[in-house]
Amino acid sequence: MMVLFLVGFWAATIYKRWQTTGLLITGIGTAVVLIGLVFYLTRQELWGQVGQFLSSQTQLSVAGWLAVVGLALAGGSYLTLRRAVP
C-alpha cells in the first residue's frame, strides 16, 4: 500500500511541478517503456523465465523489491518537489 501511495504522491508532485503537460509526458513515457518491455519479452519468448522468476520469490523478497521501488519513488518525489513552486 505504501508503494501505491508513493506512486500517487509522485504523480501529484509531477503535476505540481510541471502541470498537466509534465504529467501527460510522464504517463506517455511510462507507457512506451512498458510496451517496449512487453514487446521485447514477447519477441525473445522470455515469458516462461519471467514466470519462473516471479514464482520463485518469497514473501520477504517481494517486500524487499517493493521497498526498493518505494525508496526510488520517494527519492524521485523529493527531488521533484524540492524544485516545485508553491
Protein backbone atom coordinates (compact mmCIF):
# COMPACT_ATOMS: atom_id res chain seq x y z
CA MET A 1 0.00 0.00 0.00
CA MET A 2 2.90 2.32 0.69
CA VAL A 3 4.24 1.87 -2.85
CA LEU A 4 0.84 2.74 -4.29
CA PHE A 5 0.72 5.83 -2.07
CA LEU A 6 4.17 6.84 -3.32
CA VAL A 7 3.12 6.37 -6.95
CA GLY A 8 0.22 8.76 -6.35
CA PHE A 9 2.42 11.20 -4.42
CA TRP A 10 4.99 11.21 -7.19
CA ALA A 11 2.25 11.85 -9.77
CA ALA A 12 0.92 14.73 -7.66
CA THR A 13 4.45 16.10 -7.34
CA ILE A 14 4.94 15.97 -11.11
CA TYR A 15 1.60 17.73 -11.56
CA LYS A 16 2.62 20.43 -9.05
CA ARG A 17 5.97 20.97 -10.75
CA TRP A 18 5.07 20.76 -14.47
CA GLN A 19 1.26 20.84 -14.51
CA THR A 20 -0.73 18.76 -17.00
CA THR A 21 1.96 18.71 -19.68
CA GLY A 22 4.51 17.09 -17.38
CA LEU A 23 2.02 14.53 -16.13
CA LEU A 24 0.99 13.67 -19.69
CA ILE A 25 4.60 13.31 -20.88
CA THR A 26 5.45 11.16 -17.85
CA GLY A 27 2.42 8.93 -18.44
CA ILE A 28 3.14 8.51 -22.14
CA GLY A 29 6.83 7.85 -21.42
CA THR A 30 5.98 5.22 -18.82
CA ALA A 31 3.51 3.55 -21.21
CA VAL A 32 6.09 3.50 -24.02
CA VAL A 33 8.70 1.91 -21.75
CA LEU A 34 6.25 -0.75 -20.50
CA ILE A 35 5.03 -1.53 -24.02
CA GLY A 36 8.64 -1.79 -25.19
CA LEU A 37 9.44 -4.17 -22.33
CA VAL A 38 6.42 -6.37 -23.13
CA PHE A 39 7.36 -6.33 -26.83
CA TYR A 40 10.94 -7.37 -26.02
CA LEU A 41 9.84 -10.16 -23.68
CA THR A 42 7.39 -11.44 -26.28
CA ARG A 43 9.86 -11.31 -29.18
CA GLN A 44 12.55 -13.12 -27.18
CA GLU A 45 9.99 -15.61 -25.79
CA LEU A 46 11.10 -14.90 -22.22
CA TRP A 47 7.70 -15.07 -20.51
CA GLY A 48 8.44 -18.54 -19.15
CA GLN A 49 11.57 -17.27 -17.42
CA VAL A 50 9.68 -14.26 -16.07
CA GLY A 51 7.05 -16.60 -14.65
CA GLN A 52 9.71 -18.82 -13.07
CA PHE A 53 11.41 -15.80 -11.52
CA LEU A 54 8.16 -14.44 -10.11
CA SER A 55 7.07 -17.81 -8.75
CA SER A 56 10.43 -18.36 -7.05
CA GLN A 57 10.13 -15.15 -4.99
CA THR A 58 9.38 -15.43 -1.28
CA GLN A 59 7.24 -13.01 0.69
CA LEU A 60 10.36 -11.41 2.11
CA SER A 61 11.98 -10.92 -1.30
CA VAL A 62 8.77 -9.39 -2.71
CA ALA A 63 8.72 -7.00 0.26
CA GLY A 64 12.37 -6.18 -0.45
CA TRP A 65 11.70 -5.45 -4.12
CA LEU A 66 8.75 -3.25 -3.18
CA ALA A 67 10.92 -1.45 -0.63
CA VAL A 68 13.46 -0.68 -3.35
CA VAL A 69 10.71 0.63 -5.64
CA GLY A 70 9.30 2.68 -2.77
CA LEU A 71 12.68 4.21 -1.99
CA ALA A 72 13.18 5.11 -5.65
CA LEU A 73 9.73 6.74 -5.81
CA ALA A 74 10.31 8.60 -2.54
CA GLY A 75 13.69 9.86 -3.77
CA GLY A 76 12.22 10.93 -7.11
CA SER A 77 9.37 12.71 -5.35
CA TYR A 78 11.76 14.50 -3.05
CA LEU A 79 14.00 15.66 -5.89
CA THR A 80 11.00 16.83 -7.91
CA LEU A 81 9.16 18.52 -5.04
CA ARG A 82 12.20 20.42 -3.89
CA ARG A 83 12.11 22.45 -7.11
CA ALA A 84 8.34 22.95 -7.21
CA VAL A 85 6.97 26.45 -6.92
CA PRO A 86 4.30 26.86 -4.21
